[in-house]
Amino acid sequence: MHVFVTGGTGTIGSAVVTELLGTGHTVIALARSDGSAHALEEAGAEVLRGGLADLGTLRSGAERADGVISLAFGRDYGTPEALAAGIAEERAAVTALGEALVGTGRPLVTVSGTPWVPGRASVEADPLPLEGPVAERARTVNDLFGLVSRGVRVTAVRMPRTVHDRGAGGFAGLLAEQARRTGVAGYPGDGTQRWPAVHALDAAVLFRLALESAPAGTAWHAVADEGDAVRDIAAVIGRRLGLPVRSVPEETFGPFGPIFAMDQPASGAHTREALGWRPTRPGLLADLENIRP
């Protein structure tokens, strides 16, 4: 397949581009900067210059492709206002991509987070939450599923709180960045809340499987680790950076504070059984050993 990818130079996207090219697909990828364009060309992808707000460019890329994987998201999410703006930009972008595929039967693979369910690990059949700071992302995915009846094979890959590679990425990566800034490997609450995780290279395989074969209107969990306690994550970060480890106020983490404080394990058992996805890369706690002091 000739696949159009947005967000192809991020932690997940770069792994997805490599996975697609390594399994016989060709890739056209969106690049908003010279650096991104160079990285994509070096990987072997064709480059389409433009940003997430360039809706005409997005439609052009989708129309030229046999399928689309949408991963791009704005880089500024340090305040509630910036996060909301990024979600609105993503919504307009994926809507344009979906509209370009109407009537074609081609796949559009979008991304969201795993939901949280009180008292248990969430599963693929659970709905995305329609309340909270990222509720609009859930509404976007639900609206995209409405395109199934219009001839688009929409599927969603739900990502856990941490997508990691060589000790970086996701919520755990944000904890490490915060620790470097503040001199404390902190965590909110008592740290018993659990975060699911997946290695970026394992996640990339799932995106390819969803693109190739997932039925329309389905959601999948890219979950390798069902849930590591946040204080255990912070303990590895603190040890690797030589910093004290302790609970800190939820507000320390800005707009992510309420999300960081939640217990949100997730299961990927159905995804493994139905799509034959088999994560093989190191788990989060082992991968955090790659953090350099």
C-alpha atoms as a PDB file:
ATOM      1  CA  MET A   1       0.000   0.000   0.000  1.00  0.00           C
ATOM      2  CA  HIS A   2       1.001   3.626  -0.535  1.00  0.00           C
ATOM      3  CA  VAL A   3       0.356   5.152   2.910  1.00  0.00           C
ATOM      4  CA  PHE A   4       0.010   8.812   3.886  1.00  0.00           C
ATOM      5  CA  VAL A   5       1.348   9.414   7.412  1.00  0.00           C
ATOM      6  CA  THR A   6       1.078  12.566   9.505  1.00  0.00           C
ATOM      7  CA  GLY A   7       3.308  12.963  12.548  1.00  0.00           C
ATOM      8  CA  GLY A   8       5.925  10.755  10.935  1.00  0.00           C
ATOM      9  CA  THR A   9       8.927  12.082  12.867  1.00  0.00           C
ATOM     10  CA  GLY A  10       7.588  11.757  16.412  1.00  0.00           C
ATOM     11  CA  THR A  11       8.328   8.919  18.818  1.00  0.00           C
ATOM     12  CA  ILE A  12       5.460   6.844  17.434  1.00  0.00           C
ATOM     13  CA  GLY A  13       5.450   8.198  13.894  1.00  0.00           C
ATOM     14  CA  SER A  14       9.099   7.537  13.116  1.00  0.00           C
ATOM     15  CA  ALA A  15       8.648   3.946  14.279  1.00  0.00           C
ATOM     16  CA  VAL A  16       5.510   3.609  12.137  1.00  0.00           C
ATOM     17  CA  VAL A  17       7.274   4.914   9.026  1.00  0.00           C
ATOM     18  CA  THR A  18      10.140   2.463   9.560  1.00  0.00           C
ATOM     19  CA  GLU A  19       7.713  -0.419  10.138  1.00  0.00           C
ATOM     20  CA  LEU A  20       5.720   0.349   6.990  1.00  0.00           C
ATOM     21  CA  LEU A  21       8.787   0.691   4.787  1.00  0.00           C
ATOM     22  CA  GLY A  22      10.316  -2.455   6.247  1.00  0.00           C
ATOM     23  CA  THR A  23       7.252  -4.538   5.424  1.00  0.00           C
ATOM     24  CA  GLY A  24       6.900  -3.561   1.782  1.00  0.00           C
ATOM     25  CA  HIS A  25       4.663  -0.505   1.925  1.00  0.00           C
ATOM     26  CA  THR A  26       5.594   2.893   0.515  1.00  0.00           C
ATOM     27  CA  VAL A  27       5.103   6.077   2.501  1.00  0.00           C
ATOM     28  CA  ILE A  28       4.289   9.689   1.778  1.00  0.00           C
ATOM     29  CA  ALA A  29       4.697  11.709   4.961  1.00  0.00           C
ATOM     30  CA  LEU A  30       3.778  15.225   6.025  1.00  0.00           C
ATOM     31  CA  ALA A  31       6.730  17.433   7.017  1.00  0.00           C
ATOM     32  CA  ARG A  32       6.393  20.910   8.467  1.00  0.00           C
ATOM     33  CA  SER A  33      10.115  21.696   8.699  1.00  0.00           C
ATOM     34  CA  ASP A  34      13.345  21.132   6.817  1.00  0.00           C
ATOM     35  CA  GLY A  35      14.576  18.917   9.641  1.00  0.00           C
ATOM     36  CA  SER A  36      11.506  16.689   9.498  1.00  0.00           C
ATOM     37  CA  ALA A  37      11.698  16.499   5.708  1.00  0.00           C
ATOM     38  CA  HIS A  38      15.352  15.444   5.857  1.00  0.00           C
ATOM     39  CA  ALA A  39      14.646  12.760   8.482  1.00  0.00           C
ATOM     40  CA  LEU A  40      11.770  11.330   6.435  1.00  0.00           C
ATOM     41  CA  GLU A  41      13.779  11.298   3.229  1.00  0.00           C
ATOM     42  CA  GLU A  42      16.644   9.570   5.025  1.00  0.00           C
ATOM     43  CA  ALA A  43      14.196   6.911   6.195  1.00  0.00           C
ATOM     44  CA  GLY A  44      13.026   6.341   2.629  1.00  0.00           C
ATOM     45  CA  ALA A  45       9.695   8.168   2.608  1.00  0.00           C
ATOM     46  CA  GLU A  46       8.355  10.625   0.058  1.00  0.00           C
ATOM     47  CA  VAL A  47       7.807  14.034   1.635  1.00  0.00           C
ATOM     48  CA  LEU A  48       4.756  16.273   1.395  1.00  0.00           C
ATOM     49  CA  ARG A  49       5.549  19.692   2.847  1.00  0.00           C
ATOM     50  CA  GLY A  50       2.964  21.295   5.070  1.00  0.00           C
ATOM     51  CA  GLY A  51       1.581  21.523   8.579  1.00  0.00           C
ATOM     52  CA  LEU A  52      -1.421  20.117  10.385  1.00  0.00           C
ATOM     53  CA  ALA A  53      -3.366  23.315   9.712  1.00  0.00           C
ATOM     54  CA  ASP A  54      -2.864  23.018   5.932  1.00  0.00           C
ATOM     55  CA  LEU A  55      -6.132  21.210   5.250  1.00  0.00           C
ATOM     56  CA  GLY A  56      -5.785  21.329   1.468  1.00  0.00           C
ATOM     57  CA  THR A  57      -2.387  19.671   1.704  1.00  0.00           C
ATOM     58  CA  LEU A  58      -3.805  16.988   3.988  1.00  0.00           C
ATOM     59  CA  ARG A  59      -6.590  16.230   1.542  1.00  0.00           C
ATOM     60  CA  SER A  60      -4.083  16.015  -1.291  1.00  0.00           C
ATOM     61  CA  GLY A  61      -1.965  13.520   0.636  1.00  0.00           C
ATOM     62  CA  ALA A  62      -4.970  11.380   1.497  1.00  0.00           C
ATOM     63  CA  GLU A  63      -6.258  11.378  -2.066  1.00  0.00           C
ATOM     64  CA  ARG A  64      -2.889  10.146  -3.355  1.00  0.00           C
ATOM     65  CA  ALA A  65      -2.719   7.260  -0.875  1.00  0.00           C
ATOM     66  CA  ASP A  66      -4.208   3.799  -0.464  1.00  0.00           C
ATOM     67  CA  GLY A  67      -4.575   4.443   3.242  1.00  0.00           C
ATOM     68  CA  VAL A  68      -3.869   7.023   5.958  1.00  0.00           C
ATOM     69  CA  ILE A  69      -2.357   6.880   9.433  1.00  0.00           C
ATOM     70  CA  SER A  70      -2.968  10.096  11.366  1.00  0.00           C
ATOM     71  CA  LEU A  71      -0.541  10.680  14.242  1.00  0.00           C
ATOM     72  CA  ALA A  72       0.280  14.393  14.220  1.00  0.00           C
ATOM     73  CA  PHE A  73      -0.527  16.591  17.208  1.00  0.00           C
ATOM     74  CA  GLY A  74       0.606  20.093  18.137  1.00  0.00           C
ATOM     75  CA  ARG A  75       3.815  20.400  20.120  1.00  0.00           C
ATOM     76  CA  ASP A  76       2.572  22.990  22.633  1.00  0.00           C
ATOM     77  CA  TYR A  77       0.407  21.475  25.356  1.00  0.00           C
ATOM     78  CA  GLY A  78       1.913  23.084  28.444  1.00  0.00           C
ATOM     79  CA  THR A  79      -1.267  25.011  29.350  1.00  0.00           C
ATOM     80  CA  PRO A  80      -4.972  24.104  29.217  1.00  0.00           C
ATOM     81  CA  GLU A  81      -5.464  26.674  26.465  1.00  0.00           C
ATOM     82  CA  ALA A  82      -2.628  25.255  24.348  1.00  0.00           C
ATOM     83  CA  LEU A  83      -3.893  21.715  24.862  1.00  0.00           C
ATOM     84  CA  ALA A  84      -7.400  22.730  23.772  1.00  0.00           C
ATOM     85  CA  ALA A  85      -5.988  24.483  20.695  1.00  0.00           C
ATOM     86  CA  GLY A  86      -3.991  21.394  19.774  1.00  0.00           C
ATOM     87  CA  ILE A  87      -7.055  19.178  20.095  1.00  0.00           C
ATOM     88  CA  ALA A  88      -9.092  21.557  17.908  1.00  0.00           C
ATOM     89  CA  GLU A  89      -6.361  21.576  15.266  1.00  0.00           C
ATOM     90  CA  GLU A  90      -6.183  17.779  15.321  1.00  0.00           C
ATOM     91  CA  ARG A  91      -9.966  17.558  14.936  1.00  0.00           C
ATOM     92  CA  ALA A  92      -9.980  19.755  11.839  1.00  0.00           C
ATOM     93  CA  ALA A  93      -7.082  17.798  10.355  1.00  0.00           C
ATOM     94  CA  VAL A  94      -8.504  14.298  10.779  1.00  0.00           C
ATOM     95  CA  THR A  95     -11.912  15.495   9.599  1.00  0.00           C
ATOM     96  CA  ALA A  96     -10.283  16.723   6.376  1.00  0.00           C
ATOM     97  CA  LEU A  97      -8.451  13.412   5.969  1.00  0.00           C
ATOM     98  CA  GLY A  98     -11.640  11.444   6.499  1.00  0.00           C
ATOM     99  CA  GLU A  99     -13.657  13.526   4.073  1.00  0.00           C
ATOM    100  CA  ALA A 100     -11.005  12.975   1.406  1.00  0.00           C
ATOM    101  CA  LEU A 101     -11.507   9.204   1.712  1.00  0.00           C
ATOM    102  CA  VAL A 102     -15.313   9.133   1.607  1.00  0.00           C
ATOM    103  CA  GLY A 103     -16.590   6.490  -0.799  1.00  0.00           C
ATOM    104  CA  THR A 104     -13.189   4.866  -1.364  1.00  0.00           C
ATOM    105  CA  GLY A 105     -13.276   2.011   1.160  1.00  0.00           C
ATOM    106  CA  ARG A 106      -9.707   2.938   2.091  1.00  0.00           C
ATOM    107  CA  PRO A 107      -8.430   2.754   5.659  1.00  0.00           C
ATOM    108  CA  LEU A 108      -7.962   5.695   7.996  1.00  0.00           C
ATOM    109  CA  VAL A 109      -6.197   4.787  11.232  1.00  0.00           C
ATOM    110  CA  THR A 110      -6.520   7.424  13.926  1.00  0.00           C
ATOM    111  CA  VAL A 111      -5.175   7.583  17.456  1.00  0.00           C
ATOM    112  CA  SER A 112      -6.543   8.273  20.916  1.00  0.00           C
ATOM    113  CA  GLY A 113      -5.745   7.337  24.497  1.00  0.00           C
ATOM    114  CA  THR A 114      -6.941   4.283  26.359  1.00  0.00           C
ATOM    115  CA  PRO A 115     -10.016   5.017  28.509  1.00  0.00           C
ATOM    116  CA  TRP A 116     -10.045   4.666  32.279  1.00  0.00           C
ATOM    117  CA  VAL A 117     -12.594   2.561  34.144  1.00  0.00           C
ATOM    118  CA  PRO A 118     -12.873   2.679  37.945  1.00  0.00           C
ATOM    119  CA  GLY A 119     -11.756  -0.521  39.626  1.00  0.00           C
ATOM    120  CA  ARG A 120     -10.423  -2.430  36.616  1.00  0.00           C
ATOM    121  CA  ALA A 121      -8.302  -2.318  33.513  1.00  0.00           C
ATOM    122  CA  SER A 122     -10.091  -0.799  30.539  1.00  0.00           C
ATOM    123  CA  VAL A 123     -10.714  -2.965  27.488  1.00  0.00           C
ATOM    124  CA  GLU A 124     -11.263  -2.307  23.813  1.00  0.00           C
ATOM    125  CA  ALA A 125     -15.064  -2.425  24.151  1.00  0.00           C
ATOM    126  CA  ASP A 126     -15.107   0.405  26.712  1.00  0.00           C
ATOM    127  CA  PRO A 127     -16.150   3.810  25.345  1.00  0.00           C
ATOM    128  CA  LEU A 128     -13.821   6.770  25.449  1.00  0.00           C
ATOM    129  CA  PRO A 129     -14.642   9.258  28.239  1.00  0.00           C
ATOM    130  CA  LEU A 130     -16.634  12.298  27.178  1.00  0.00           C
ATOM    131  CA  GLU A 131     -15.630  14.334  30.217  1.00  0.00           C
ATOM    132  CA  GLY A 132     -12.255  15.697  31.282  1.00  0.00           C
ATOM    133  CA  PRO A 133      -9.423  17.677  29.666  1.00  0.00           C
ATOM    134  CA  VAL A 134      -9.122  15.474  26.576  1.00  0.00           C
ATOM    135  CA  ALA A 135     -12.809  14.698  26.057  1.00  0.00           C
ATOM    136  CA  GLU A 136     -12.825  16.488  22.700  1.00  0.00           C
ATOM    137  CA  ARG A 137     -10.353  13.920  21.345  1.00  0.00           C
ATOM    138  CA  ALA A 138     -12.901  11.220  22.177  1.00  0.00           C
ATOM    139  CA  ARG A 139     -15.626  13.133  20.356  1.00  0.00           C
ATOM    140  CA  THR A 140     -13.361  13.446  17.334  1.00  0.00           C
ATOM    141  CA  VAL A 141     -12.800   9.690  17.187  1.00  0.00           C
ATOM    142  CA  ASN A 142     -16.510   9.012  17.621  1.00  0.00           C
ATOM    143  CA  ASP A 143     -17.319  11.405  14.795  1.00  0.00           C
ATOM    144  CA  LEU A 144     -14.753   9.704  12.559  1.00  0.00           C
ATOM    145  CA  PHE A 145     -16.487   6.385  13.136  1.00  0.00           C
ATOM    146  CA  GLY A 146     -19.514   8.044  11.571  1.00  0.00           C
ATOM    147  CA  LEU A 147     -17.625   7.981   8.269  1.00  0.00           C
ATOM    148  CA  VAL A 148     -17.770   4.167   8.205  1.00  0.00           C
ATOM    149  CA  SER A 149     -21.286   4.378   6.733  1.00  0.00           C
ATOM    150  CA  ARG A 150     -19.861   6.674   4.044  1.00  0.00           C
ATOM    151  CA  GLY A 151     -17.270   4.227   2.815  1.00  0.00           C
ATOM    152  CA  VAL A 152     -14.195   4.891   4.963  1.00  0.00           C
ATOM    153  CA  ARG A 153     -12.567   2.005   6.865  1.00  0.00           C
ATOM    154  CA  VAL A 154     -11.958   3.985  10.041  1.00  0.00           C
ATOM    155  CA  THR A 155     -10.152   2.261  12.910  1.00  0.00           C
ATOM    156  CA  ALA A 156      -8.659   3.685  16.107  1.00  0.00           C
ATOM    157  CA  VAL A 157      -5.504   2.639  17.918  1.00  0.00           C
ATOM    158  CA  ARG A 158      -5.730   3.661  21.552  1.00  0.00           C
ATOM    159  CA  MET A 159      -2.352   4.475  23.046  1.00  0.00           C
ATOM    160  CA  PRO A 160      -1.391   4.030  26.708  1.00  0.00           C
ATOM    161  CA  ARG A 161      -0.078   6.831  28.881  1.00  0.00           C
ATOM    162  CA  THR A 162       3.525   6.097  27.987  1.00  0.00           C
ATOM    163  CA  VAL A 163       4.883   5.207  24.566  1.00  0.00           C
ATOM    164  CA  HIS A 164       8.585   4.788  25.197  1.00  0.00           C
ATOM    165  CA  ASP A 165      11.825   4.150  23.369  1.00  0.00           C
ATOM    166  CA  ARG A 166      15.277   4.165  24.975  1.00  0.00           C
ATOM    167  CA  GLY A 167      13.928   5.649  28.178  1.00  0.00           C
ATOM    168  CA  ALA A 168      12.114   8.583  26.582  1.00  0.00           C
ATOM    169  CA  GLY A 169       8.543   9.386  25.620  1.00  0.00           C
ATOM    170  CA  GLY A 170       5.042   9.616  27.025  1.00  0.00           C
ATOM    171  CA  PHE A 171       3.995  10.384  30.573  1.00  0.00           C
ATOM    172  CA  ALA A 172       7.092   8.703  32.009  1.00  0.00           C
ATOM    173  CA  GLY A 173       9.215  10.935  29.781  1.00  0.00           C
ATOM    174  CA  LEU A 174       7.378  13.986  31.133  1.00  0.00           C
ATOM    175  CA  LEU A 175       8.121  12.817  34.682  1.00  0.00           C
ATOM    176  CA  ALA A 176      11.811  12.573  33.779  1.00  0.00           C
ATOM    177  CA  GLU A 177      11.799  16.065  32.214  1.00  0.00           C
ATOM    178  CA  GLN A 178      10.078  17.470  35.305  1.00  0.00           C
ATOM    179  CA  ALA A 179      12.624  15.752  37.534  1.00  0.00           C
ATOM    180  CA  ARG A 180      15.510  17.364  35.656  1.00  0.00           C
ATOM    181  CA  ARG A 181      13.896  20.809  35.959  1.00  0.00           C
ATOM    182  CA  THR A 182      12.988  20.583  39.648  1.00  0.00           C
ATOM    183  CA  GLY A 183      15.655  18.311  41.093  1.00  0.00           C
ATOM    184  CA  VAL A 184      13.031  15.886  42.418  1.00  0.00           C
ATOM    185  CA  ALA A 185      11.659  12.710  40.826  1.00  0.00           C
ATOM    186  CA  GLY A 186       8.099  13.497  41.848  1.00  0.00           C
ATOM    187  CA  TYR A 187       4.770  11.757  41.473  1.00  0.00           C
ATOM    188  CA  PRO A 188       1.234  12.870  42.427  1.00  0.00           C
ATOM    189  CA  GLY A 189      -0.666  11.328  45.308  1.00  0.00           C
ATOM    190  CA  ASP A 190       0.583   8.129  46.915  1.00  0.00           C
ATOM    191  CA  GLY A 191       1.986   6.834  43.615  1.00  0.00           C
ATOM    192  CA  THR A 192      -0.031   3.623  43.593  1.00  0.00           C
ATOM    193  CA  GLN A 193      -1.967   4.725  40.509  1.00  0.00           C
ATOM    194  CA  ARG A 194      -1.048   2.642  37.467  1.00  0.00           C
ATOM    195  CA  TRP A 195      -0.136   3.749  33.964  1.00  0.00           C
ATOM    196  CA  PRO A 196      -0.165   1.389  30.978  1.00  0.00           C
ATOM    197  CA  ALA A 197       2.727   1.506  28.524  1.00  0.00           C
ATOM    198  CA  VAL A 198       4.069   0.212  25.214  1.00  0.00           C
ATOM    199  CA  HIS A 199       7.371   0.382  23.366  1.00  0.00           C
ATOM    200  CA  ALA A 200       7.145   2.577  20.254  1.00  0.00           C
ATOM    201  CA  LEU A 201       8.419  -0.218  17.999  1.00  0.00           C
ATOM    202  CA  ASP A 202       5.701  -2.578  19.246  1.00  0.00           C
ATOM    203  CA  ALA A 203       3.058   0.121  18.783  1.00  0.00           C
ATOM    204  CA  ALA A 204       4.235   0.631  15.193  1.00  0.00           C
ATOM    205  CA  VAL A 205       3.480  -2.997  14.388  1.00  0.00           C
ATOM    206  CA  LEU A 206      -0.078  -2.576  15.662  1.00  0.00           C
ATOM    207  CA  PHE A 207      -0.636   0.496  13.509  1.00  0.00           C
ATOM    208  CA  ARG A 208       0.448  -1.518  10.476  1.00  0.00           C
ATOM    209  CA  LEU A 209      -1.843  -4.422  11.385  1.00  0.00           C
ATOM    210  CA  ALA A 210      -4.794  -2.055  11.848  1.00  0.00           C
ATOM    211  CA  LEU A 211      -4.065  -0.425   8.492  1.00  0.00           C
ATOM    212  CA  GLU A 212      -3.832  -3.754   6.707  1.00  0.00           C
ATOM    213  CA  SER A 213      -6.680  -5.741   8.191  1.00  0.00           C
ATOM    214  CA  ALA A 214      -8.705  -4.208  11.037  1.00  0.00           C
ATOM    215  CA  PRO A 215     -12.468  -4.081  10.348  1.00  0.00           C
ATOM    216  CA  ALA A 216     -14.155  -0.712  10.010  1.00  0.00           C
ATOM    217  CA  GLY A 217     -15.378   0.894  13.185  1.00  0.00           C
ATOM    218  CA  THR A 218     -13.067  -0.987  15.547  1.00  0.00           C
ATOM    219  CA  ALA A 219     -10.808   0.194  18.367  1.00  0.00           C
ATOM    220  CA  TRP A 220      -7.583  -1.484  19.504  1.00  0.00           C
ATOM    221  CA  HIS A 221      -5.345  -1.173  22.545  1.00  0.00           C
ATOM    222  CA  ALA A 222      -1.601  -0.782  22.003  1.00  0.00           C
ATOM    223  CA  VAL A 223      -0.924  -1.963  25.555  1.00  0.00           C
ATOM    224  CA  ALA A 224       2.080  -4.096  26.426  1.00  0.00           C
ATOM    225  CA  ASP A 225       2.330  -3.260  30.165  1.00  0.00           C
ATOM    226  CA  GLU A 226      -1.123  -3.228  31.727  1.00  0.00           C
ATOM    227  CA  GLY A 227      -0.099  -0.814  34.458  1.00  0.00           C
ATOM    228  CA  ASP A 228       3.075   0.146  36.320  1.00  0.00           C
ATOM    229  CA  ALA A 229       2.723   2.052  39.603  1.00  0.00           C
ATOM    230  CA  VAL A 230       3.755   5.667  39.133  1.00  0.00           C
ATOM    231  CA  ARG A 231       5.984   5.623  42.201  1.00  0.00           C
ATOM    232  CA  ASP A 232       7.860   2.666  40.698  1.00  0.00           C
ATOM    233  CA  ILE A 233       8.350   4.685  37.510  1.00  0.00           C
ATOM    234  CA  ALA A 234       9.556   7.664  39.537  1.00  0.00           C
ATOM    235  CA  ALA A 235      11.884   5.422  41.541  1.00  0.00           C
ATOM    236  CA  VAL A 236      13.732   4.316  38.410  1.00  0.00           C
ATOM    237  CA  ILE A 237      13.904   7.894  37.151  1.00  0.00           C
ATOM    238  CA  GLY A 238      15.235   9.115  40.488  1.00  0.00           C
ATOM    239  CA  ARG A 239      17.850   6.397  40.687  1.00  0.00           C
ATOM    240  CA  ARG A 240      19.049   6.961  37.125  1.00  0.00           C
ATOM    241  CA  LEU A 241      19.226  10.751  37.606  1.00  0.00           C
ATOM    242  CA  GLY A 242      20.556  10.638  41.159  1.00  0.00           C
ATOM    243  CA  LEU A 243      17.578  12.582  42.514  1.00  0.00           C
ATOM    244  CA  PRO A 244      15.291  12.155  45.542  1.00  0.00           C
ATOM    245  CA  VAL A 245      11.940  10.498  44.934  1.00  0.00           C
ATOM    246  CA  ARG A 246       8.788  11.745  46.660  1.00  0.00           C
ATOM    247  CA  SER A 247       5.168  12.734  46.250  1.00  0.00           C
ATOM    248  CA  VAL A 248       4.572  16.275  45.008  1.00  0.00           C
ATOM    249  CA  PRO A 249       1.377  18.329  44.585  1.00  0.00           C
ATOM    250  CA  GLU A 250      -0.768  17.439  41.604  1.00  0.00           C
ATOM    251  CA  GLU A 251      -0.567  21.061  40.438  1.00  0.00           C
ATOM    252  CA  THR A 252       3.150  20.567  39.819  1.00  0.00           C
ATOM    253  CA  PHE A 253       2.265  18.844  36.558  1.00  0.00           C
ATOM    254  CA  GLY A 254       0.103  21.627  35.126  1.00  0.00           C
ATOM    255  CA  PRO A 255      -2.821  20.571  32.906  1.00  0.00           C
ATOM    256  CA  PHE A 256      -1.694  16.947  33.127  1.00  0.00           C
ATOM    257  CA  GLY A 257      -1.983  16.882  36.932  1.00  0.00           C
ATOM    258  CA  PRO A 258      -5.518  15.418  37.136  1.00  0.00           C
ATOM    259  CA  ILE A 259      -4.648  12.812  34.491  1.00  0.00           C
ATOM    260  CA  PHE A 260      -1.348  11.905  36.166  1.00  0.00           C
ATOM    261  CA  ALA A 261      -3.171  11.315  39.453  1.00  0.00           C
ATOM    262  CA  MET A 262      -5.644   8.786  38.016  1.00  0.00           C
ATOM    263  CA  ASP A 263      -5.425   5.014  38.260  1.00  0.00           C
ATOM    264  CA  GLN A 264      -5.834   3.991  34.621  1.00  0.00           C
ATOM    265  CA  PRO A 265      -4.603   0.476  33.780  1.00  0.00           C
ATOM    266  CA  ALA A 266      -5.606  -0.952  30.409  1.00  0.00           C
ATOM    267  CA  SER A 267      -5.658  -4.359  28.765  1.00  0.00           C
ATOM    268  CA  GLY A 268      -4.657  -5.266  25.223  1.00  0.00           C
ATOM    269  CA  ALA A 269      -5.700  -8.913  25.422  1.00  0.00           C
ATOM    270  CA  HIS A 270      -8.408  -8.697  22.763  1.00  0.00           C
ATOM    271  CA  THR A 271      -6.074  -6.829  20.404  1.00  0.00           C
ATOM    272  CA  ARG A 272      -3.452  -9.551  20.715  1.00  0.00           C
ATOM    273  CA  GLU A 273      -5.968 -12.315  20.119  1.00  0.00           C
ATOM    274  CA  ALA A 274      -7.894 -10.700  17.265  1.00  0.00           C
ATOM    275  CA  LEU A 275      -5.053  -9.100  15.292  1.00  0.00           C
ATOM    276  CA  GLY A 276      -2.194 -11.414  16.273  1.00  0.00           C
ATOM    277  CA  TRP A 277      -0.218  -8.541  17.762  1.00  0.00           C
ATOM    278  CA  ARG A 278       2.725  -9.729  19.863  1.00  0.00           C
ATOM    279  CA  PRO A 279       4.754  -7.076  21.747  1.00  0.00           C
ATOM    280  CA  THR A 280       8.392  -8.186  22.024  1.00  0.00           C
ATOM    281  CA  ARG A 281      10.307  -5.089  23.133  1.00  0.00           C
ATOM    282  CA  PRO A 282      11.390  -4.202  26.693  1.00  0.00           C
ATOM    283  CA  GLY A 283       8.739  -3.083  29.138  1.00  0.00           C
ATOM    284  CA  LEU A 284       8.666   0.437  30.555  1.00  0.00           C
ATOM    285  CA  LEU A 285      10.603  -0.111  33.784  1.00  0.00           C
ATOM    286  CA  ALA A 286      13.358  -1.962  31.920  1.00  0.00           C
ATOM    287  CA  ASP A 287      13.495   0.672  29.172  1.00  0.00           C
ATOM    288  CA  LEU A 288      13.792   3.498  31.737  1.00  0.00           C
ATOM    289  CA  GLU A 289      17.174   2.052  32.662  1.00  0.00           C
ATOM    290  CA  ASN A 290      18.351   3.753  29.457  1.00  0.00           C
ATOM    291  CA  ILE A 291      17.850   7.208  30.988  1.00  0.00           C
ATOM    292  CA  ARG A 292      21.187   8.972  31.172  1.00  0.00           C
ATOM    293  CA  PRO A 293      22.090  11.007  34.267  1.00  0.00           C
END
